[in-house]
């Protein structure tokens, strides 16, 4: 699978997936405003993603569906393939 480096490019690749149809391996995107998403995670199931929260930080598992930070800025999901 070829996947672009830039978050906005990744968001435009693959098939868009509704939130209630997420599967392990889907890419989940976040970001405020109307431009391209600024953050991406890999969906692990049960509302959890793995992601690098910021430059220099370690990769973390985060529950995003009930998160007061991530849920409001959720922009959508893509199933690569």
N, C-alpha and C. Protein backbone atom coordinates (compact mmCIF):
# COMPACT_ATOMS: atom_id res chain seq x y z
N UNK A 1 0.84 -1.16 0.00
CA UNK A 1 0.00 0.00 0.00
C UNK A 1 0.89 1.23 0.00
N UNK A 2 0.59 2.19 -0.85
CA UNK A 2 1.32 3.45 -0.89
C UNK A 2 0.48 4.51 -0.17
N UNK A 3 1.11 5.19 0.76
CA UNK A 3 0.40 6.18 1.57
C UNK A 3 1.22 7.45 1.60
N UNK A 4 0.62 8.56 1.29
CA UNK A 4 1.32 9.84 1.30
C UNK A 4 1.84 10.21 2.68
N UNK A 5 2.82 11.09 2.72
CA UNK A 5 3.43 11.51 3.98
C UNK A 5 2.58 12.56 4.69
N UNK A 6 1.99 13.46 3.93
CA UNK A 6 1.24 14.59 4.48
C UNK A 6 -0.16 14.14 4.93
N UNK A 7 -0.60 14.59 6.09
CA UNK A 7 -1.89 14.20 6.64
C UNK A 7 -3.04 14.49 5.68
N UNK A 8 -3.01 15.65 5.05
CA UNK A 8 -4.08 16.01 4.11
C UNK A 8 -4.15 15.06 2.93
N UNK A 9 -2.99 14.64 2.43
CA UNK A 9 -2.95 13.68 1.32
C UNK A 9 -3.52 12.34 1.77
N UNK A 10 -3.15 11.89 2.94
CA UNK A 10 -3.67 10.62 3.48
C UNK A 10 -5.19 10.67 3.60
N UNK A 11 -5.70 11.82 4.02
CA UNK A 11 -7.14 12.00 4.22
C UNK A 11 -7.90 11.86 2.90
N UNK A 12 -7.27 12.20 1.81
CA UNK A 12 -7.91 12.13 0.50
C UNK A 12 -7.70 10.79 -0.20
N UNK A 13 -6.88 9.91 0.38
CA UNK A 13 -6.64 8.59 -0.20
C UNK A 13 -7.54 7.56 0.47
N UNK A 14 -7.85 6.52 -0.24
CA UNK A 14 -8.65 5.45 0.35
C UNK A 14 -10.12 5.79 0.38
N UNK A 15 -10.88 4.93 1.00
CA UNK A 15 -12.34 5.05 1.06
C UNK A 15 -12.75 5.64 2.41
N UNK A 16 -13.60 6.66 2.38
CA UNK A 16 -14.10 7.27 3.62
C UNK A 16 -15.00 6.27 4.36
N UNK A 17 -14.84 6.23 5.66
CA UNK A 17 -15.54 5.27 6.50
C UNK A 17 -16.35 6.01 7.56
N UNK A 18 -17.65 5.70 7.71
CA UNK A 18 -18.43 6.31 8.78
C UNK A 18 -17.89 5.89 10.16
N UNK A 19 -18.04 6.76 11.12
CA UNK A 19 -17.54 6.51 12.47
C UNK A 19 -18.04 5.19 13.04
N UNK A 20 -19.29 4.86 12.78
CA UNK A 20 -19.85 3.62 13.35
C UNK A 20 -19.44 2.37 12.58
N UNK A 21 -18.59 2.51 11.55
CA UNK A 21 -18.15 1.36 10.76
C UNK A 21 -16.62 1.19 10.82
N UNK A 22 -15.98 1.81 11.80
CA UNK A 22 -14.52 1.72 11.91
C UNK A 22 -14.07 0.28 12.14
N UNK A 23 -12.94 -0.07 11.51
CA UNK A 23 -12.30 -1.37 11.71
C UNK A 23 -10.84 -1.15 12.08
N UNK A 24 -10.26 -2.15 12.73
CA UNK A 24 -8.83 -2.08 13.04
C UNK A 24 -8.05 -1.80 11.76
N UNK A 25 -7.11 -0.87 11.84
CA UNK A 25 -6.29 -0.51 10.69
C UNK A 25 -6.76 0.72 9.94
N UNK A 26 -7.98 1.19 10.21
CA UNK A 26 -8.44 2.42 9.57
C UNK A 26 -7.64 3.60 10.10
N UNK A 27 -7.47 4.61 9.26
CA UNK A 27 -6.81 5.84 9.67
C UNK A 27 -7.87 6.82 10.16
N UNK A 28 -7.66 7.39 11.33
CA UNK A 28 -8.60 8.36 11.90
C UNK A 28 -7.93 9.73 11.95
N UNK A 29 -8.67 10.76 11.54
CA UNK A 29 -8.10 12.09 11.35
C UNK A 29 -8.75 13.12 12.26
N UNK A 30 -7.93 14.11 12.64
CA UNK A 30 -8.36 15.13 13.59
C UNK A 30 -7.81 16.49 13.16
N UNK A 31 -8.49 17.53 13.62
CA UNK A 31 -7.99 18.88 13.38
C UNK A 31 -9.12 19.88 13.48
N UNK A 32 -8.84 21.03 14.06
CA UNK A 32 -9.82 22.09 14.12
C UNK A 32 -9.85 22.87 12.82
N UNK A 33 -10.84 23.69 12.63
CA UNK A 33 -10.91 24.52 11.44
C UNK A 33 -11.45 23.78 10.24
N UNK A 34 -11.31 24.43 9.08
CA UNK A 34 -11.90 23.90 7.86
C UNK A 34 -10.87 23.36 6.88
N UNK A 35 -9.60 23.56 7.14
CA UNK A 35 -8.56 23.06 6.24
C UNK A 35 -8.35 21.57 6.41
N UNK A 36 -7.23 21.10 5.89
CA UNK A 36 -6.89 19.69 6.01
C UNK A 36 -6.72 19.29 7.47
N UNK A 37 -6.99 18.03 7.80
CA UNK A 37 -6.70 17.54 9.15
C UNK A 37 -5.21 17.72 9.46
N UNK A 38 -4.91 17.85 10.73
CA UNK A 38 -3.52 18.08 11.15
C UNK A 38 -2.94 16.92 11.94
N UNK A 39 -3.76 15.90 12.20
CA UNK A 39 -3.30 14.78 13.03
C UNK A 39 -3.96 13.50 12.54
N UNK A 40 -3.22 12.40 12.59
CA UNK A 40 -3.76 11.11 12.16
C UNK A 40 -3.34 10.02 13.15
N UNK A 41 -4.24 9.08 13.36
CA UNK A 41 -3.94 7.92 14.19
C UNK A 41 -4.38 6.65 13.47
N UNK A 42 -3.94 5.52 13.98
CA UNK A 42 -4.30 4.21 13.44
C UNK A 42 -5.29 3.56 14.41
N UNK A 43 -6.47 3.23 13.91
CA UNK A 43 -7.52 2.69 14.76
C UNK A 43 -7.20 1.26 15.18
N UNK A 44 -7.33 0.99 16.49
CA UNK A 44 -7.03 -0.34 17.04
C UNK A 44 -8.29 -1.10 17.45
N UNK A 45 -9.43 -0.43 17.47
CA UNK A 45 -10.67 -1.05 17.91
C UNK A 45 -11.10 -0.50 19.26
N UNK A 46 -12.39 -0.66 19.58
CA UNK A 46 -12.95 -0.24 20.86
C UNK A 46 -12.69 1.23 21.17
N UNK A 47 -12.69 2.08 20.14
CA UNK A 47 -12.52 3.51 20.34
C UNK A 47 -11.10 3.95 20.61
N UNK A 48 -10.14 3.06 20.42
CA UNK A 48 -8.74 3.36 20.74
C UNK A 48 -7.92 3.52 19.46
N UNK A 49 -7.02 4.50 19.47
CA UNK A 49 -6.09 4.69 18.35
C UNK A 49 -4.67 4.67 18.91
N UNK A 50 -3.72 4.42 18.03
CA UNK A 50 -2.31 4.57 18.35
C UNK A 50 -1.82 5.74 17.51
N UNK A 51 -1.03 6.63 18.14
CA UNK A 51 -0.59 7.84 17.45
C UNK A 51 0.59 8.45 18.18
N UNK A 52 1.25 9.36 17.50
CA UNK A 52 2.33 10.14 18.11
C UNK A 52 1.74 11.51 18.42
N UNK A 53 1.44 11.80 19.69
CA UNK A 53 0.73 13.02 20.04
C UNK A 53 1.40 14.32 19.58
N UNK A 54 2.71 14.36 19.63
CA UNK A 54 3.42 15.57 19.19
C UNK A 54 4.87 15.21 18.92
N UNK A 55 5.55 16.06 18.21
CA UNK A 55 6.96 15.84 17.89
C UNK A 55 7.75 15.65 19.17
N UNK A 56 8.56 14.61 19.20
CA UNK A 56 9.40 14.33 20.36
C UNK A 56 8.74 13.47 21.42
N UNK A 57 7.43 13.26 21.32
CA UNK A 57 6.72 12.43 22.29
C UNK A 57 6.74 10.97 21.81
N UNK A 58 6.45 10.05 22.71
CA UNK A 58 6.42 8.64 22.35
C UNK A 58 5.05 8.29 21.76
N UNK A 59 5.00 7.21 21.01
CA UNK A 59 3.74 6.72 20.46
C UNK A 59 2.87 6.24 21.61
N UNK A 60 1.57 6.59 21.57
CA UNK A 60 0.66 6.26 22.67
C UNK A 60 -0.63 5.66 22.14
N UNK A 61 -1.28 4.89 23.01
CA UNK A 61 -2.64 4.44 22.77
C UNK A 61 -3.56 5.45 23.45
N UNK A 62 -4.59 5.88 22.73
CA UNK A 62 -5.51 6.88 23.27
C UNK A 62 -6.95 6.50 22.93
N UNK A 63 -7.82 6.54 23.93
CA UNK A 63 -9.25 6.36 23.72
C UNK A 63 -9.76 7.71 23.19
N UNK A 64 -10.17 7.75 21.92
CA UNK A 64 -10.57 9.04 21.34
C UNK A 64 -12.07 9.23 21.24
N UNK A 65 -12.85 8.17 21.20
CA UNK A 65 -14.30 8.34 21.02
C UNK A 65 -14.95 9.07 22.19
N UNK A 66 -14.44 8.89 23.39
CA UNK A 66 -14.99 9.56 24.56
C UNK A 66 -14.10 10.68 25.07
N UNK A 67 -13.07 11.02 24.32
CA UNK A 67 -12.11 12.04 24.74
C UNK A 67 -12.69 13.44 24.58
N UNK A 68 -12.55 14.26 25.59
CA UNK A 68 -13.01 15.65 25.49
C UNK A 68 -12.10 16.47 24.59
N UNK A 69 -10.90 15.98 24.32
CA UNK A 69 -9.99 16.67 23.41
C UNK A 69 -10.16 16.18 21.97
N UNK A 70 -10.05 14.88 21.74
CA UNK A 70 -10.05 14.35 20.37
C UNK A 70 -11.43 14.24 19.73
N UNK A 71 -12.45 13.89 20.47
CA UNK A 71 -13.77 13.68 19.85
C UNK A 71 -14.29 14.94 19.17
N UNK A 72 -14.20 16.13 19.78
CA UNK A 72 -14.72 17.32 19.11
C UNK A 72 -13.97 17.71 17.84
N UNK A 73 -12.72 17.27 17.70
CA UNK A 73 -11.96 17.65 16.51
C UNK A 73 -11.80 16.48 15.53
N UNK A 74 -12.57 15.41 15.76
CA UNK A 74 -12.56 14.27 14.84
C UNK A 74 -13.07 14.73 13.48
N UNK A 75 -12.33 14.41 12.41
CA UNK A 75 -12.69 14.88 11.06
C UNK A 75 -13.16 13.76 10.14
N UNK A 76 -12.83 12.51 10.47
CA UNK A 76 -13.25 11.41 9.63
C UNK A 76 -12.24 10.29 9.62
N UNK A 77 -12.57 9.24 8.87
CA UNK A 77 -11.71 8.06 8.79
C UNK A 77 -11.60 7.59 7.35
N UNK A 78 -10.48 6.94 7.06
CA UNK A 78 -10.21 6.40 5.73
C UNK A 78 -9.72 4.97 5.90
N UNK A 79 -10.19 4.11 5.02
CA UNK A 79 -9.70 2.73 4.99
C UNK A 79 -8.72 2.61 3.83
N UNK A 80 -7.43 2.55 4.13
CA UNK A 80 -6.44 2.44 3.05
C UNK A 80 -6.60 1.13 2.29
N UNK A 81 -6.17 1.15 1.08
CA UNK A 81 -6.22 -0.11 0.38
C UNK A 81 -6.26 0.07 -1.07
